[in-house]
All heavy atoms as atom14 arrays in JSON, in Angstrom:
{
  "sequence": "QMNNLKPEDTAVYYCAADPGAVCVGTRILTP",
  "atom14_mask": [
    [1, 1, 1, 1, 1, 1, 1, 1, 1, 0, 0, 0, 0, 0],
    [1, 1, 1, 1, 1, 1, 1, 1, 0, 0, 0, 0, 0, 0],
    [1, 1, 1, 1, 1, 1, 1, 1, 0, 0, 0, 0, 0, 0],
    [1, 1, 1, 1, 1, 1, 1, 1, 0, 0, 0, 0, 0, 0],
    [1, 1, 1, 1, 1, 1, 1, 1, 0, 0, 0, 0, 0, 0],
    [1, 1, 1, 1, 1, 1, 1, 1, 1, 0, 0, 0, 0, 0],
    [1, 1, 1, 1, 1, 1, 1, 0, 0, 0, 0, 0, 0, 0],
    [1, 1, 1, 1, 1, 1, 1, 1, 1, 0, 0, 0, 0, 0],
    [1, 1, 1, 1, 1, 1, 1, 1, 0, 0, 0, 0, 0, 0],
    [1, 1, 1, 1, 1, 1, 1, 0, 0, 0, 0, 0, 0, 0],
    [1, 1, 1, 1, 1, 0, 0, 0, 0, 0, 0, 0, 0, 0],
    [1, 1, 1, 1, 1, 1, 1, 0, 0, 0, 0, 0, 0, 0],
    [1, 1, 1, 1, 1, 1, 1, 1, 1, 1, 1, 1, 0, 0],
    [1, 1, 1, 1, 1, 1, 1, 1, 1, 1, 1, 1, 0, 0],
    [1, 1, 1, 1, 1, 1, 0, 0, 0, 0, 0, 0, 0, 0],
    [1, 1, 1, 1, 1, 0, 0, 0, 0, 0, 0, 0, 0, 0],
    [1, 1, 1, 1, 1, 0, 0, 0, 0, 0, 0, 0, 0, 0],
    [1, 1, 1, 1, 1, 1, 1, 1, 0, 0, 0, 0, 0, 0],
    [1, 1, 1, 1, 1, 1, 1, 0, 0, 0, 0, 0, 0, 0],
    [1, 1, 1, 1, 0, 0, 0, 0, 0, 0, 0, 0, 0, 0],
    [1, 1, 1, 1, 1, 0, 0, 0, 0, 0, 0, 0, 0, 0],
    [1, 1, 1, 1, 1, 1, 1, 0, 0, 0, 0, 0, 0, 0],
    [1, 1, 1, 1, 1, 1, 0, 0, 0, 0, 0, 0, 0, 0],
    [1, 1, 1, 1, 1, 1, 1, 0, 0, 0, 0, 0, 0, 0],
    [1, 1, 1, 1, 0, 0, 0, 0, 0, 0, 0, 0, 0, 0],
    [1, 1, 1, 1, 1, 1, 1, 0, 0, 0, 0, 0, 0, 0],
    [1, 1, 1, 1, 1, 1, 1, 1, 1, 1, 1, 0, 0, 0],
    [1, 1, 1, 1, 1, 1, 1, 1, 0, 0, 0, 0, 0, 0],
    [1, 1, 1, 1, 1, 1, 1, 1, 0, 0, 0, 0, 0, 0],
    [1, 1, 1, 1, 1, 1, 1, 0, 0, 0, 0, 0, 0, 0],
    [1, 1, 1, 1, 1, 1, 1, 0, 0, 0, 0, 0, 0, 0]
  ],
  "atom14_positions": [
    [[104.32, 96.0, 99.97], [103.87, 94.6, 99.62], [102.46, 94.44, 99.88], [102.09, 94.58, 101.07], [104.8, 93.63, 100.33], [104.46, 92.11, 100.06], [104.74, 91.75, 98.64], [105.73, 92.11, 98.08], [103.83, 90.98, 97.98], [0.0, 0.0, 0.0], [0.0, 0.0, 0.0], [0.0, 0.0, 0.0], [0.0, 0.0, 0.0], [0.0, 0.0, 0.0]],
    [[101.74, 94.08, 98.92], [100.24, 93.97, 99.1], [99.86, 92.54, 98.81], [100.04, 92.02, 97.69], [99.55, 94.91, 98.13], [99.97, 96.36, 98.28], [98.98, 97.48, 97.32], [99.28, 96.97, 95.73], [0.0, 0.0, 0.0], [0.0, 0.0, 0.0], [0.0, 0.0, 0.0], [0.0, 0.0, 0.0], [0.0, 0.0, 0.0], [0.0, 0.0, 0.0]],
    [[99.33, 91.84, 99.82], [98.88, 90.45, 99.75], [97.37, 90.35, 99.95], [96.77, 91.21, 100.42], [99.6, 89.62, 100.72], [101.12, 89.64, 100.61], [101.69, 89.68, 99.49], [101.86, 89.64, 101.71], [0.0, 0.0, 0.0], [0.0, 0.0, 0.0], [0.0, 0.0, 0.0], [0.0, 0.0, 0.0], [0.0, 0.0, 0.0], [0.0, 0.0, 0.0]],
    [[96.89, 89.18, 99.43], [95.45, 88.95, 99.6], [94.62, 90.11, 99.15], [93.73, 90.58, 99.83], [95.06, 88.58, 101.03], [93.67, 88.05, 101.24], [93.08, 87.55, 100.31], [93.17, 88.15, 102.48], [0.0, 0.0, 0.0], [0.0, 0.0, 0.0], [0.0, 0.0, 0.0], [0.0, 0.0, 0.0], [0.0, 0.0, 0.0], [0.0, 0.0, 0.0]],
    [[94.88, 90.61, 97.94], [94.26, 91.83, 97.46], [92.75, 91.56, 97.24], [92.29, 90.49, 96.88], [94.91, 92.29, 96.15], [96.23, 92.99, 96.39], [97.03, 92.99, 95.1], [95.99, 94.41, 96.9], [0.0, 0.0, 0.0], [0.0, 0.0, 0.0], [0.0, 0.0, 0.0], [0.0, 0.0, 0.0], [0.0, 0.0, 0.0], [0.0, 0.0, 0.0]],
    [[91.96, 92.6, 97.49], [90.51, 92.57, 97.38], [90.04, 93.56, 96.33], [90.76, 94.6, 96.11], [89.82, 92.88, 98.7], [90.34, 92.04, 99.85], [89.68, 92.44, 101.15], [90.17, 91.5, 102.26], [89.55, 91.95, 103.62], [0.0, 0.0, 0.0], [0.0, 0.0, 0.0], [0.0, 0.0, 0.0], [0.0, 0.0, 0.0], [0.0, 0.0, 0.0]],
    [[88.88, 93.42, 95.73], [88.43, 94.35, 94.75], [88.4, 95.81, 95.34], [88.59, 96.84, 94.6], [87.04, 93.86, 94.4], [87.1, 92.4, 94.65], [87.99, 92.25, 95.81], [0.0, 0.0, 0.0], [0.0, 0.0, 0.0], [0.0, 0.0, 0.0], [0.0, 0.0, 0.0], [0.0, 0.0, 0.0], [0.0, 0.0, 0.0], [0.0, 0.0, 0.0]],
    [[88.09, 95.94, 96.63], [88.04, 97.27, 97.18], [89.45, 97.91, 97.37], [89.5, 99.13, 97.79], [87.34, 97.25, 98.58], [87.88, 96.19, 99.56], [87.08, 94.89, 99.53], [86.69, 94.48, 98.4], [86.86, 94.3, 100.61], [0.0, 0.0, 0.0], [0.0, 0.0, 0.0], [0.0, 0.0, 0.0], [0.0, 0.0, 0.0], [0.0, 0.0, 0.0]],
    [[90.48, 97.24, 97.06], [91.84, 97.8, 97.01], [92.12, 98.55, 95.76], [93.18, 99.16, 95.54], [92.84, 96.72, 97.31], [92.79, 96.11, 98.68], [92.62, 96.82, 99.64], [92.99, 94.85, 98.78], [0.0, 0.0, 0.0], [0.0, 0.0, 0.0], [0.0, 0.0, 0.0], [0.0, 0.0, 0.0], [0.0, 0.0, 0.0], [0.0, 0.0, 0.0]],
    [[91.18, 98.39, 94.78], [91.36, 99.05, 93.48], [91.39, 100.61, 93.66], [90.5, 101.17, 94.21], [90.24, 98.64, 92.57], [90.26, 97.25, 92.26], [90.35, 99.4, 91.23], [0.0, 0.0, 0.0], [0.0, 0.0, 0.0], [0.0, 0.0, 0.0], [0.0, 0.0, 0.0], [0.0, 0.0, 0.0], [0.0, 0.0, 0.0], [0.0, 0.0, 0.0]],
    [[92.49, 101.19, 93.14], [92.72, 102.61, 93.29], [93.98, 103.04, 92.65], [94.76, 102.13, 92.26], [92.77, 103.03, 94.73], [0.0, 0.0, 0.0], [0.0, 0.0, 0.0], [0.0, 0.0, 0.0], [0.0, 0.0, 0.0], [0.0, 0.0, 0.0], [0.0, 0.0, 0.0], [0.0, 0.0, 0.0], [0.0, 0.0, 0.0], [0.0, 0.0, 0.0]],
    [[94.24, 104.32, 92.54], [95.5, 104.82, 92.13], [96.26, 105.02, 93.51], [95.77, 105.63, 94.42], [95.45, 106.15, 91.39], [96.84, 106.67, 91.09], [94.64, 105.97, 90.15], [0.0, 0.0, 0.0], [0.0, 0.0, 0.0], [0.0, 0.0, 0.0], [0.0, 0.0, 0.0], [0.0, 0.0, 0.0], [0.0, 0.0, 0.0], [0.0, 0.0, 0.0]],
    [[97.48, 104.42, 93.52], [98.29, 104.48, 94.76], [99.38, 105.49, 94.52], [100.1, 105.51, 93.54], [98.94, 103.11, 95.0], [97.9, 102.17, 95.58], [96.85, 101.64, 94.86], [97.95, 101.79, 96.93], [95.95, 100.76, 95.37], [97.07, 100.9, 97.54], [96.05, 100.4, 96.74], [95.1, 99.56, 97.32], [0.0, 0.0, 0.0], [0.0, 0.0, 0.0]],
    [[99.48, 106.35, 95.53], [100.5, 107.49, 95.45], [101.52, 107.3, 96.63], [101.05, 106.99, 97.77], [99.81, 108.83, 95.62], [98.83, 109.16, 94.55], [97.5, 108.81, 94.67], [99.22, 109.87, 93.42], [96.53, 109.09, 93.71], [98.3, 110.16, 92.43], [96.94, 109.82, 92.62], [96.05, 110.12, 91.63], [0.0, 0.0, 0.0], [0.0, 0.0, 0.0]],
    [[102.72, 107.6, 96.49], [103.57, 107.73, 97.56], [103.85, 109.26, 97.84], [103.78, 110.04, 96.93], [104.9, 106.98, 97.44], [105.99, 107.53, 96.11], [0.0, 0.0, 0.0], [0.0, 0.0, 0.0], [0.0, 0.0, 0.0], [0.0, 0.0, 0.0], [0.0, 0.0, 0.0], [0.0, 0.0, 0.0], [0.0, 0.0, 0.0], [0.0, 0.0, 0.0]],
    [[104.05, 109.57, 99.08], [104.29, 110.95, 99.47], [105.48, 111.0, 100.5], [105.67, 110.07, 101.26], [103.02, 111.51, 100.06], [0.0, 0.0, 0.0], [0.0, 0.0, 0.0], [0.0, 0.0, 0.0], [0.0, 0.0, 0.0], [0.0, 0.0, 0.0], [0.0, 0.0, 0.0], [0.0, 0.0, 0.0], [0.0, 0.0, 0.0], [0.0, 0.0, 0.0]],
    [[106.12, 112.14, 100.48], [107.2, 112.35, 101.29], [107.26, 113.73, 101.92], [106.89, 114.72, 101.27], [108.56, 112.09, 100.58], [0.0, 0.0, 0.0], [0.0, 0.0, 0.0], [0.0, 0.0, 0.0], [0.0, 0.0, 0.0], [0.0, 0.0, 0.0], [0.0, 0.0, 0.0], [0.0, 0.0, 0.0], [0.0, 0.0, 0.0], [0.0, 0.0, 0.0]],
    [[107.75, 113.8, 103.16], [107.94, 115.1, 103.77], [108.84, 114.95, 105.0], [108.59, 114.01, 105.78], [106.57, 115.71, 104.24], [106.68, 117.22, 104.48], [107.21, 117.6, 105.5], [106.25, 118.0, 103.53], [0.0, 0.0, 0.0], [0.0, 0.0, 0.0], [0.0, 0.0, 0.0], [0.0, 0.0, 0.0], [0.0, 0.0, 0.0], [0.0, 0.0, 0.0]],
    [[109.75, 115.84, 105.23], [110.64, 115.69, 106.37], [109.96, 116.04, 107.68], [110.34, 115.68, 108.76], [111.76, 116.56, 106.14], [111.26, 117.65, 105.2], [110.13, 116.9, 104.44], [0.0, 0.0, 0.0], [0.0, 0.0, 0.0], [0.0, 0.0, 0.0], [0.0, 0.0, 0.0], [0.0, 0.0, 0.0], [0.0, 0.0, 0.0], [0.0, 0.0, 0.0]],
    [[108.8, 116.73, 107.62], [108.07, 117.22, 108.73], [106.86, 116.34, 109.15], [106.26, 116.55, 110.18], [0.0, 0.0, 0.0], [0.0, 0.0, 0.0], [0.0, 0.0, 0.0], [0.0, 0.0, 0.0], [0.0, 0.0, 0.0], [0.0, 0.0, 0.0], [0.0, 0.0, 0.0], [0.0, 0.0, 0.0], [0.0, 0.0, 0.0], [0.0, 0.0, 0.0]],
    [[106.63, 115.31, 108.31], [105.47, 114.48, 108.59], [105.81, 113.54, 109.64], [106.97, 113.31, 110.08], [105.03, 113.68, 107.36], [0.0, 0.0, 0.0], [0.0, 0.0, 0.0], [0.0, 0.0, 0.0], [0.0, 0.0, 0.0], [0.0, 0.0, 0.0], [0.0, 0.0, 0.0], [0.0, 0.0, 0.0], [0.0, 0.0, 0.0], [0.0, 0.0, 0.0]],
    [[104.75, 112.88, 110.28], [104.97, 111.96, 111.34], [104.29, 110.62, 111.01], [103.33, 110.59, 110.28], [104.44, 112.48, 112.72], [105.23, 113.67, 113.16], [102.98, 112.81, 112.63], [0.0, 0.0, 0.0], [0.0, 0.0, 0.0], [0.0, 0.0, 0.0], [0.0, 0.0, 0.0], [0.0, 0.0, 0.0], [0.0, 0.0, 0.0], [0.0, 0.0, 0.0]],
    [[104.85, 109.62, 111.53], [104.22, 108.23, 111.37], [103.84, 107.8, 112.76], [103.91, 106.58, 113.07], [105.16, 107.31, 110.71], [104.4, 105.75, 110.17], [0.0, 0.0, 0.0], [0.0, 0.0, 0.0], [0.0, 0.0, 0.0], [0.0, 0.0, 0.0], [0.0, 0.0, 0.0], [0.0, 0.0, 0.0], [0.0, 0.0, 0.0], [0.0, 0.0, 0.0]],
    [[103.23, 108.65, 113.52], [102.83, 108.32, 114.89], [101.9, 109.49, 115.32], [102.03, 110.58, 114.87], [103.97, 108.07, 115.83], [104.72, 109.41, 116.08], [103.47, 107.54, 117.19], [0.0, 0.0, 0.0], [0.0, 0.0, 0.0], [0.0, 0.0, 0.0], [0.0, 0.0, 0.0], [0.0, 0.0, 0.0], [0.0, 0.0, 0.0], [0.0, 0.0, 0.0]],
    [[100.89, 109.15, 116.23], [100.11, 110.18, 116.74], [98.88, 110.57, 115.94], [98.54, 109.91, 114.98], [0.0, 0.0, 0.0], [0.0, 0.0, 0.0], [0.0, 0.0, 0.0], [0.0, 0.0, 0.0], [0.0, 0.0, 0.0], [0.0, 0.0, 0.0], [0.0, 0.0, 0.0], [0.0, 0.0, 0.0], [0.0, 0.0, 0.0], [0.0, 0.0, 0.0]],
    [[98.32, 111.72, 116.3], [97.01, 112.06, 115.76], [97.09, 112.61, 114.35], [96.05, 112.57, 113.57], [96.41, 113.16, 116.63], [97.23, 114.26, 116.71], [96.11, 112.58, 117.98], [0.0, 0.0, 0.0], [0.0, 0.0, 0.0], [0.0, 0.0, 0.0], [0.0, 0.0, 0.0], [0.0, 0.0, 0.0], [0.0, 0.0, 0.0], [0.0, 0.0, 0.0]],
    [[98.27, 113.06, 113.85], [98.35, 113.56, 112.48], [98.9, 112.49, 111.45], [99.19, 112.87, 110.38], [99.26, 114.81, 112.43], [98.67, 116.02, 113.15], [99.27, 117.27, 112.68], [99.05, 117.55, 111.24], [98.0, 118.08, 110.75], [97.03, 118.4, 111.57], [97.83, 118.25, 109.4], [0.0, 0.0, 0.0], [0.0, 0.0, 0.0], [0.0, 0.0, 0.0]],
    [[98.84, 111.31, 111.96], [99.36, 110.22, 111.06], [98.52, 110.13, 109.71], [97.31, 110.31, 109.72], [99.31, 108.87, 111.84], [100.27, 107.86, 111.19], [97.9, 108.4, 111.94], [100.48, 106.7, 112.09], [0.0, 0.0, 0.0], [0.0, 0.0, 0.0], [0.0, 0.0, 0.0], [0.0, 0.0, 0.0], [0.0, 0.0, 0.0], [0.0, 0.0, 0.0]],
    [[99.16, 109.99, 108.62], [98.51, 109.8, 107.3], [97.58, 110.95, 106.95], [96.47, 110.77, 106.5], [97.8, 108.47, 107.29], [98.77, 107.26, 107.25], [97.89, 105.97, 107.31], [99.6, 107.24, 106.0], [0.0, 0.0, 0.0], [0.0, 0.0, 0.0], [0.0, 0.0, 0.0], [0.0, 0.0, 0.0], [0.0, 0.0, 0.0], [0.0, 0.0, 0.0]],
    [[98.07, 112.14, 107.28], [97.3, 113.39, 106.87], [97.92, 113.93, 105.6], [98.97, 114.39, 105.49], [97.41, 114.47, 108.06], [96.91, 113.96, 109.18], [96.66, 115.69, 107.59], [0.0, 0.0, 0.0], [0.0, 0.0, 0.0], [0.0, 0.0, 0.0], [0.0, 0.0, 0.0], [0.0, 0.0, 0.0], [0.0, 0.0, 0.0], [0.0, 0.0, 0.0]],
    [[97.09, 113.84, 104.49], [97.7, 114.24, 103.17], [98.26, 115.64, 103.17], [99.22, 115.92, 102.44], [96.41, 114.13, 102.25], [95.56, 113.1, 102.89], [95.72, 113.34, 104.33], [0.0, 0.0, 0.0], [0.0, 0.0, 0.0], [0.0, 0.0, 0.0], [0.0, 0.0, 0.0], [0.0, 0.0, 0.0], [0.0, 0.0, 0.0], [0.0, 0.0, 0.0]]
  ]
}
């Protein structure tokens, strides 16, 4: 859910999945 959108939010948005990825710590959001 994206609210109060700004021009700098303009982009192609991708979702990504992996069972070994983490959502915490130093490797967070590493493509």
